[in-house]
């Protein structure tokens, strides 16, 4: 279970095969996985490796949110 962040993916992303593949491709710590049958999921065991690089947000805009579960 993630201790530091949660990644929220809007349902609209699931219909965009190119964006799903892009998210899986650009994440440097493999948080996203795009299965062959479509869509995109998060790899729960990798969530705590997130570097907060925002590449996923740059690719998907408001359709992906990285929610910090801790106080800064």
PDB file of N, CA and C in Angstrom:
ATOM      1  N   UNK A   1       0.829  -1.185   0.000  1.00  0.00           N
ATOM      2  CA  UNK A   1       0.000   0.000   0.000  1.00  0.00           C
ATOM      3  C   UNK A   1       0.874   1.248   0.000  1.00  0.00           C
ATOM      4  N   UNK A   2       0.489   2.227  -0.795  1.00  0.00           N
ATOM      5  CA  UNK A   2       1.257   3.467  -0.902  1.00  0.00           C
ATOM      6  C   UNK A   2       1.191   4.252   0.404  1.00  0.00           C
ATOM      7  N   UNK A   3       2.321   4.779   0.801  1.00  0.00           N
ATOM      8  CA  UNK A   3       2.368   5.560   2.026  1.00  0.00           C
ATOM      9  C   UNK A   3       2.473   7.056   1.748  1.00  0.00           C
ATOM     10  N   UNK A   4       2.993   7.411   0.585  1.00  0.00           N
ATOM     11  CA  UNK A   4       3.301   8.808   0.338  1.00  0.00           C
ATOM     12  C   UNK A   4       2.398   9.479  -0.685  1.00  0.00           C
ATOM     13  N   UNK A   5       2.001   8.747  -1.701  1.00  0.00           N
ATOM     14  CA  UNK A   5       1.165   9.335  -2.744  1.00  0.00           C
ATOM     15  C   UNK A   5       0.057   8.376  -3.167  1.00  0.00           C
ATOM     16  N   UNK A   6      -0.919   8.974  -3.826  1.00  0.00           N
ATOM     17  CA  UNK A   6      -1.968   8.225  -4.509  1.00  0.00           C
ATOM     18  C   UNK A   6      -2.064   8.834  -5.897  1.00  0.00           C
ATOM     19  N   UNK A   7      -2.244   8.010  -6.905  1.00  0.00           N
ATOM     20  CA  UNK A   7      -2.391   8.516  -8.267  1.00  0.00           C
ATOM     21  C   UNK A   7      -3.831   8.281  -8.697  1.00  0.00           C
ATOM     22  N   UNK A   8      -4.515   9.374  -9.026  1.00  0.00           N
ATOM     23  CA  UNK A   8      -5.887   9.300  -9.519  1.00  0.00           C
ATOM     24  C   UNK A   8      -5.858   9.452 -11.031  1.00  0.00           C
ATOM     25  N   UNK A   9      -6.492   8.507 -11.718  1.00  0.00           N
ATOM     26  CA  UNK A   9      -6.557   8.523 -13.179  1.00  0.00           C
ATOM     27  C   UNK A   9      -8.014   8.664 -13.579  1.00  0.00           C
ATOM     28  N   UNK A  10      -8.325   9.725 -14.319  1.00  0.00           N
ATOM     29  CA  UNK A  10      -9.684   9.958 -14.782  1.00  0.00           C
ATOM     30  C   UNK A  10     -10.111   8.838 -15.735  1.00  0.00           C
ATOM     31  N   UNK A  11     -11.374   8.480 -15.684  1.00  0.00           N
ATOM     32  CA  UNK A  11     -11.897   7.410 -16.546  1.00  0.00           C
ATOM     33  C   UNK A  11     -11.683   7.700 -18.032  1.00  0.00           C
ATOM     34  N   UNK A  12     -11.647   8.972 -18.412  1.00  0.00           N
ATOM     35  CA  UNK A  12     -11.467   9.327 -19.823  1.00  0.00           C
ATOM     36  C   UNK A  12     -10.137   8.841 -20.381  1.00  0.00           C
ATOM     37  N   UNK A  13      -9.145   8.682 -19.530  1.00  0.00           N
ATOM     38  CA  UNK A  13      -7.829   8.219 -19.966  1.00  0.00           C
ATOM     39  C   UNK A  13      -7.917   6.789 -20.491  1.00  0.00           C
ATOM     40  N   UNK A  14      -8.768   5.987 -19.890  1.00  0.00           N
ATOM     41  CA  UNK A  14      -8.874   4.574 -20.256  1.00  0.00           C
ATOM     42  C   UNK A  14      -9.286   4.379 -21.717  1.00  0.00           C
ATOM     43  N   UNK A  15      -9.933   5.373 -22.311  1.00  0.00           N
ATOM     44  CA  UNK A  15     -10.396   5.274 -23.698  1.00  0.00           C
ATOM     45  C   UNK A  15      -9.350   5.738 -24.708  1.00  0.00           C
ATOM     46  N   UNK A  16      -8.239   6.277 -24.224  1.00  0.00           N
ATOM     47  CA  UNK A  16      -7.197   6.831 -25.094  1.00  0.00           C
ATOM     48  C   UNK A  16      -5.974   5.904 -25.059  1.00  0.00           C
ATOM     49  N   UNK A  17      -5.925   4.978 -25.999  1.00  0.00           N
ATOM     50  CA  UNK A  17      -4.850   3.972 -26.013  1.00  0.00           C
ATOM     51  C   UNK A  17      -3.465   4.608 -26.106  1.00  0.00           C
ATOM     52  N   UNK A  18      -3.347   5.669 -26.899  1.00  0.00           N
ATOM     53  CA  UNK A  18      -2.048   6.330 -27.051  1.00  0.00           C
ATOM     54  C   UNK A  18      -1.590   6.955 -25.734  1.00  0.00           C
ATOM     55  N   UNK A  19      -2.506   7.576 -25.026  1.00  0.00           N
ATOM     56  CA  UNK A  19      -2.159   8.196 -23.743  1.00  0.00           C
ATOM     57  C   UNK A  19      -1.816   7.130 -22.711  1.00  0.00           C
ATOM     58  N   UNK A  20      -2.557   6.051 -22.693  1.00  0.00           N
ATOM     59  CA  UNK A  20      -2.252   4.953 -21.762  1.00  0.00           C
ATOM     60  C   UNK A  20      -0.833   4.439 -21.985  1.00  0.00           C
ATOM     61  N   UNK A  21      -0.484   4.211 -23.236  1.00  0.00           N
ATOM     62  CA  UNK A  21       0.861   3.734 -23.570  1.00  0.00           C
ATOM     63  C   UNK A  21       1.912   4.772 -23.202  1.00  0.00           C
ATOM     64  N   UNK A  22       1.608   6.033 -23.440  1.00  0.00           N
ATOM     65  CA  UNK A  22       2.544   7.123 -23.137  1.00  0.00           C
ATOM     66  C   UNK A  22       2.824   7.194 -21.631  1.00  0.00           C
ATOM     67  N   UNK A  23       1.788   7.083 -20.823  1.00  0.00           N
ATOM     68  CA  UNK A  23       1.981   7.126 -19.375  1.00  0.00           C
ATOM     69  C   UNK A  23       2.900   6.007 -18.907  1.00  0.00           C
ATOM     70  N   UNK A  24       2.679   4.810 -19.425  1.00  0.00           N
ATOM     71  CA  UNK A  24       3.529   3.673 -19.053  1.00  0.00           C
ATOM     72  C   UNK A  24       4.967   3.875 -19.526  1.00  0.00           C
ATOM     73  N   UNK A  25       5.114   4.523 -20.655  1.00  0.00           N
ATOM     74  CA  UNK A  25       6.444   4.734 -21.245  1.00  0.00           C
ATOM     75  C   UNK A  25       7.252   5.801 -20.520  1.00  0.00           C
ATOM     76  N   UNK A  26       6.613   6.894 -20.126  1.00  0.00           N
ATOM     77  CA  UNK A  26       7.383   8.041 -19.618  1.00  0.00           C
ATOM     78  C   UNK A  26       7.712   7.990 -18.138  1.00  0.00           C
ATOM     79  N   UNK A  27       6.994   7.182 -17.376  1.00  0.00           N
ATOM     80  CA  UNK A  27       7.237   7.171 -15.935  1.00  0.00           C
ATOM     81  C   UNK A  27       8.592   6.524 -15.627  1.00  0.00           C
ATOM     82  N   UNK A  28       9.497   7.273 -15.007  1.00  0.00           N
ATOM     83  CA  UNK A  28      10.837   6.735 -14.747  1.00  0.00           C
ATOM     84  C   UNK A  28      10.873   5.637 -13.688  1.00  0.00           C
ATOM     85  N   UNK A  29       9.804   5.482 -12.914  1.00  0.00           N
ATOM     86  CA  UNK A  29       9.797   4.452 -11.870  1.00  0.00           C
ATOM     87  C   UNK A  29       8.659   3.446 -12.065  1.00  0.00           C
ATOM     88  N   UNK A  30       8.134   3.380 -13.268  1.00  0.00           N
ATOM     89  CA  UNK A  30       7.157   2.358 -13.660  1.00  0.00           C
ATOM     90  C   UNK A  30       5.905   2.311 -12.779  1.00  0.00           C
ATOM     91  N   UNK A  31       5.346   3.468 -12.505  1.00  0.00           N
ATOM     92  CA  UNK A  31       4.105   3.528 -11.735  1.00  0.00           C
ATOM     93  C   UNK A  31       2.919   3.105 -12.588  1.00  0.00           C
ATOM     94  N   UNK A  32       2.986   3.363 -13.886  1.00  0.00           N
ATOM     95  CA  UNK A  32       1.877   3.045 -14.784  1.00  0.00           C
ATOM     96  C   UNK A  32       2.166   1.791 -15.590  1.00  0.00           C
ATOM     97  N   UNK A  33       1.104   1.026 -15.807  1.00  0.00           N
ATOM     98  CA  UNK A  33       1.202  -0.177 -16.628  1.00  0.00           C
ATOM     99  C   UNK A  33       0.039  -0.155 -17.612  1.00  0.00           C
ATOM    100  N   UNK A  34       0.346  -0.361 -18.886  1.00  0.00           N
ATOM    101  CA  UNK A  34      -0.679  -0.389 -19.931  1.00  0.00           C
ATOM    102  C   UNK A  34      -0.785  -1.810 -20.462  1.00  0.00           C
ATOM    103  N   UNK A  35      -1.715  -2.600 -19.926  1.00  0.00           N
ATOM    104  CA  UNK A  35      -1.865  -3.987 -20.370  1.00  0.00           C
ATOM    105  C   UNK A  35      -2.264  -4.063 -21.840  1.00  0.00           C
ATOM    106  N   UNK A  36      -1.962  -5.167 -22.466  1.00  0.00           N
ATOM    107  CA  UNK A  36      -2.259  -5.360 -23.888  1.00  0.00           C
ATOM    108  C   UNK A  36      -3.747  -5.267 -24.194  1.00  0.00           C
ATOM    109  N   UNK A  37      -4.589  -5.571 -23.211  1.00  0.00           N
ATOM    110  CA  UNK A  37      -6.030  -5.527 -23.455  1.00  0.00           C
ATOM    111  C   UNK A  37      -6.618  -4.124 -23.301  1.00  0.00           C
ATOM    112  N   UNK A  38      -5.763  -3.121 -23.073  1.00  0.00           N
ATOM    113  CA  UNK A  38      -6.200  -1.726 -23.037  1.00  0.00           C
ATOM    114  C   UNK A  38      -6.215  -1.120 -21.654  1.00  0.00           C
ATOM    115  N   UNK A  39      -6.345   0.190 -21.636  1.00  0.00           N
ATOM    116  CA  UNK A  39      -6.395   0.932 -20.389  1.00  0.00           C
ATOM    117  C   UNK A  39      -5.029   1.133 -19.768  1.00  0.00           C
ATOM    118  N   UNK A  40      -5.052   1.694 -18.585  1.00  0.00           N
ATOM    119  CA  UNK A  40      -3.827   1.904 -17.819  1.00  0.00           C
ATOM    120  C   UNK A  40      -4.160   1.713 -16.345  1.00  0.00           C
ATOM    121  N   UNK A  41      -3.229   1.127 -15.628  1.00  0.00           N
ATOM    122  CA  UNK A  41      -3.379   0.913 -14.196  1.00  0.00           C
ATOM    123  C   UNK A  41      -2.129   1.416 -13.493  1.00  0.00           C
ATOM    124  N   UNK A  42      -2.216   1.525 -12.184  1.00  0.00           N
ATOM    125  CA  UNK A  42      -1.029   1.864 -11.416  1.00  0.00           C
ATOM    126  C   UNK A  42      -0.468   0.596 -10.800  1.00  0.00           C
ATOM    127  N   UNK A  43       0.826   0.567 -10.665  1.00  0.00           N
ATOM    128  CA  UNK A  43       1.520  -0.544 -10.013  1.00  0.00           C
ATOM    129  C   UNK A  43       1.710  -0.115  -8.559  1.00  0.00           C
ATOM    130  N   UNK A  44       0.835  -0.633  -7.708  1.00  0.00           N
ATOM    131  CA  UNK A  44       0.802  -0.199  -6.305  1.00  0.00           C
ATOM    132  C   UNK A  44       2.163  -0.280  -5.627  1.00  0.00           C
ATOM    133  N   UNK A  45       2.913  -1.322  -5.901  1.00  0.00           N
ATOM    134  CA  UNK A  45       4.207  -1.504  -5.227  1.00  0.00           C
ATOM    135  C   UNK A  45       5.240  -0.462  -5.650  1.00  0.00           C
ATOM    136  N   UNK A  46       4.985   0.266  -6.748  1.00  0.00           N
ATOM    137  CA  UNK A  46       5.931   1.281  -7.214  1.00  0.00           C
ATOM    138  C   UNK A  46       5.538   2.702  -6.816  1.00  0.00           C
ATOM    139  N   UNK A  47       4.367   2.887  -6.238  1.00  0.00           N
ATOM    140  CA  UNK A  47       3.894   4.238  -5.931  1.00  0.00           C
ATOM    141  C   UNK A  47       4.857   5.008  -5.032  1.00  0.00           C
ATOM    142  N   UNK A  48       5.432   4.340  -4.053  1.00  0.00           N
ATOM    143  CA  UNK A  48       6.332   5.036  -3.133  1.00  0.00           C
ATOM    144  C   UNK A  48       7.681   5.368  -3.758  1.00  0.00           C
ATOM    145  N   UNK A  49       7.898   4.965  -5.000  1.00  0.00           N
ATOM    146  CA  UNK A  49       9.129   5.308  -5.719  1.00  0.00           C
ATOM    147  C   UNK A  49       8.974   6.616  -6.504  1.00  0.00           C
ATOM    148  N   UNK A  50       7.764   7.170  -6.517  1.00  0.00           N
ATOM    149  CA  UNK A  50       7.484   8.377  -7.303  1.00  0.00           C
ATOM    150  C   UNK A  50       8.457   9.496  -6.936  1.00  0.00           C
ATOM    151  N   UNK A  51       9.002  10.138  -7.961  1.00  0.00           N
ATOM    152  CA  UNK A  51       9.934  11.245  -7.752  1.00  0.00           C
ATOM    153  C   UNK A  51       9.257  12.599  -7.905  1.00  0.00           C
ATOM    154  N   UNK A  52       7.933  12.590  -8.103  1.00  0.00           N
ATOM    155  CA  UNK A  52       7.150  13.820  -8.291  1.00  0.00           C
ATOM    156  C   UNK A  52       7.676  14.641  -9.464  1.00  0.00           C
ATOM    157  N   UNK A  53       8.050  13.947 -10.536  1.00  0.00           N
ATOM    158  CA  UNK A  53       8.622  14.604 -11.712  1.00  0.00           C
ATOM    159  C   UNK A  53       7.572  15.304 -12.578  1.00  0.00           C
ATOM    160  N   UNK A  54       6.304  14.954 -12.398  1.00  0.00           N
ATOM    161  CA  UNK A  54       5.178  15.558 -13.123  1.00  0.00           C
ATOM    162  C   UNK A  54       5.111  15.200 -14.603  1.00  0.00           C
ATOM    163  N   UNK A  55       5.881  14.240 -15.069  1.00  0.00           N
ATOM    164  CA  UNK A  55       5.805  13.849 -16.480  1.00  0.00           C
ATOM    165  C   UNK A  55       4.424  13.310 -16.832  1.00  0.00           C
ATOM    166  N   UNK A  56       3.806  12.591 -15.903  1.00  0.00           N
ATOM    167  CA  UNK A  56       2.466  12.063 -16.162  1.00  0.00           C
ATOM    168  C   UNK A  56       1.442  13.186 -16.267  1.00  0.00           C
ATOM    169  N   UNK A  57       1.593  14.195 -15.452  1.00  0.00           N
ATOM    170  CA  UNK A  57       0.677  15.338 -15.483  1.00  0.00           C
ATOM    171  C   UNK A  57       0.886  16.143 -16.755  1.00  0.00           C
ATOM    172  N   UNK A  58       2.130  16.294 -17.174  1.00  0.00           N
ATOM    173  CA  UNK A  58       2.410  16.992 -18.434  1.00  0.00           C
ATOM    174  C   UNK A  58       1.784  16.251 -19.616  1.00  0.00           C
ATOM    175  N   UNK A  59       1.768  14.921 -19.559  1.00  0.00           N
ATOM    176  CA  UNK A  59       1.214  14.120 -20.653  1.00  0.00           C
ATOM    177  C   UNK A  59      -0.307  14.103 -20.640  1.00  0.00           C
ATOM    178  N   UNK A  60      -0.896  14.049 -19.449  1.00  0.00           N
ATOM    179  CA  UNK A  60      -2.348  13.845 -19.347  1.00  0.00           C
ATOM    180  C   UNK A  60      -3.123  15.053 -18.847  1.00  0.00           C
ATOM    181  N   UNK A  61      -2.430  16.083 -18.419  1.00  0.00           N
ATOM    182  CA  UNK A  61      -3.136  17.257 -17.894  1.00  0.00           C
ATOM    183  C   UNK A  61      -3.919  16.917 -16.637  1.00  0.00           C
ATOM    184  N   UNK A  62      -5.121  17.443 -16.554  1.00  0.00           N
ATOM    185  CA  UNK A  62      -5.961  17.244 -15.372  1.00  0.00           C
ATOM    186  C   UNK A  62      -6.495  15.827 -15.247  1.00  0.00           C
ATOM    187  N   UNK A  63      -6.254  14.981 -16.217  1.00  0.00           N
ATOM    188  CA  UNK A  63      -6.778  13.616 -16.195  1.00  0.00           C
ATOM    189  C   UNK A  63      -5.979  12.700 -15.264  1.00  0.00           C
ATOM    190  N   UNK A  64      -4.815  13.155 -14.823  1.00  0.00           N
ATOM    191  CA  UNK A  64      -4.008  12.415 -13.849  1.00  0.00           C
ATOM    192  C   UNK A  64      -3.663  13.365 -12.719  1.00  0.00           C
ATOM    193  N   UNK A  65      -3.868  12.892 -11.492  1.00  0.00           N
ATOM    194  CA  UNK A  65      -3.513  13.688 -10.313  1.00  0.00           C
ATOM    195  C   UNK A  65      -2.628  12.861  -9.400  1.00  0.00           C
ATOM    196  N   UNK A  66      -1.558  13.464  -8.946  1.00  0.00           N
ATOM    197  CA  UNK A  66      -0.704  12.838  -7.940  1.00  0.00           C
ATOM    198  C   UNK A  66      -1.050  13.517  -6.622  1.00  0.00           C
ATOM    199  N   UNK A  67      -1.645  12.759  -5.718  1.00  0.00           N
ATOM    200  CA  UNK A  67      -2.111  13.294  -4.448  1.00  0.00           C
ATOM    201  C   UNK A  67      -1.114  12.898  -3.370  1.00  0.00           C
ATOM    202  N   UNK A  68      -0.552  13.902  -2.739  1.00  0.00           N
ATOM    203  CA  UNK A  68       0.400  13.644  -1.638  1.00  0.00           C
ATOM    204  C   UNK A  68      -0.388  13.281  -0.389  1.00  0.00           C
ATOM    205  N   UNK A  69      -0.024  12.193   0.250  1.00  0.00           N
ATOM    206  CA  UNK A  69      -0.725  11.702   1.425  1.00  0.00           C
ATOM    207  C   UNK A  69      -0.025  12.106   2.719  1.00  0.00           C
ATOM    208  N   UNK A  70       0.827  13.092   2.644  1.00  0.00           N
ATOM    209  CA  UNK A  70       1.574  13.539   3.802  1.00  0.00           C
ATOM    210  C   UNK A  70       1.563  15.061   3.821  1.00  0.00           C
ATOM    211  N   UNK A  71       1.808  15.622   4.962  1.00  0.00           N
ATOM    212  CA  UNK A  71       1.884  17.084   5.085  1.00  0.00           C
ATOM    213  C   UNK A  71       3.293  17.514   4.730  1.00  0.00           C
ATOM    214  N   UNK A  72       3.386  18.577   3.946  1.00  0.00           N
ATOM    215  CA  UNK A  72       4.717  19.076   3.565  1.00  0.00           C
ATOM    216  C   UNK A  72       5.292  19.943   4.645  1.00  0.00           C
TER     217      UNK A  72
END
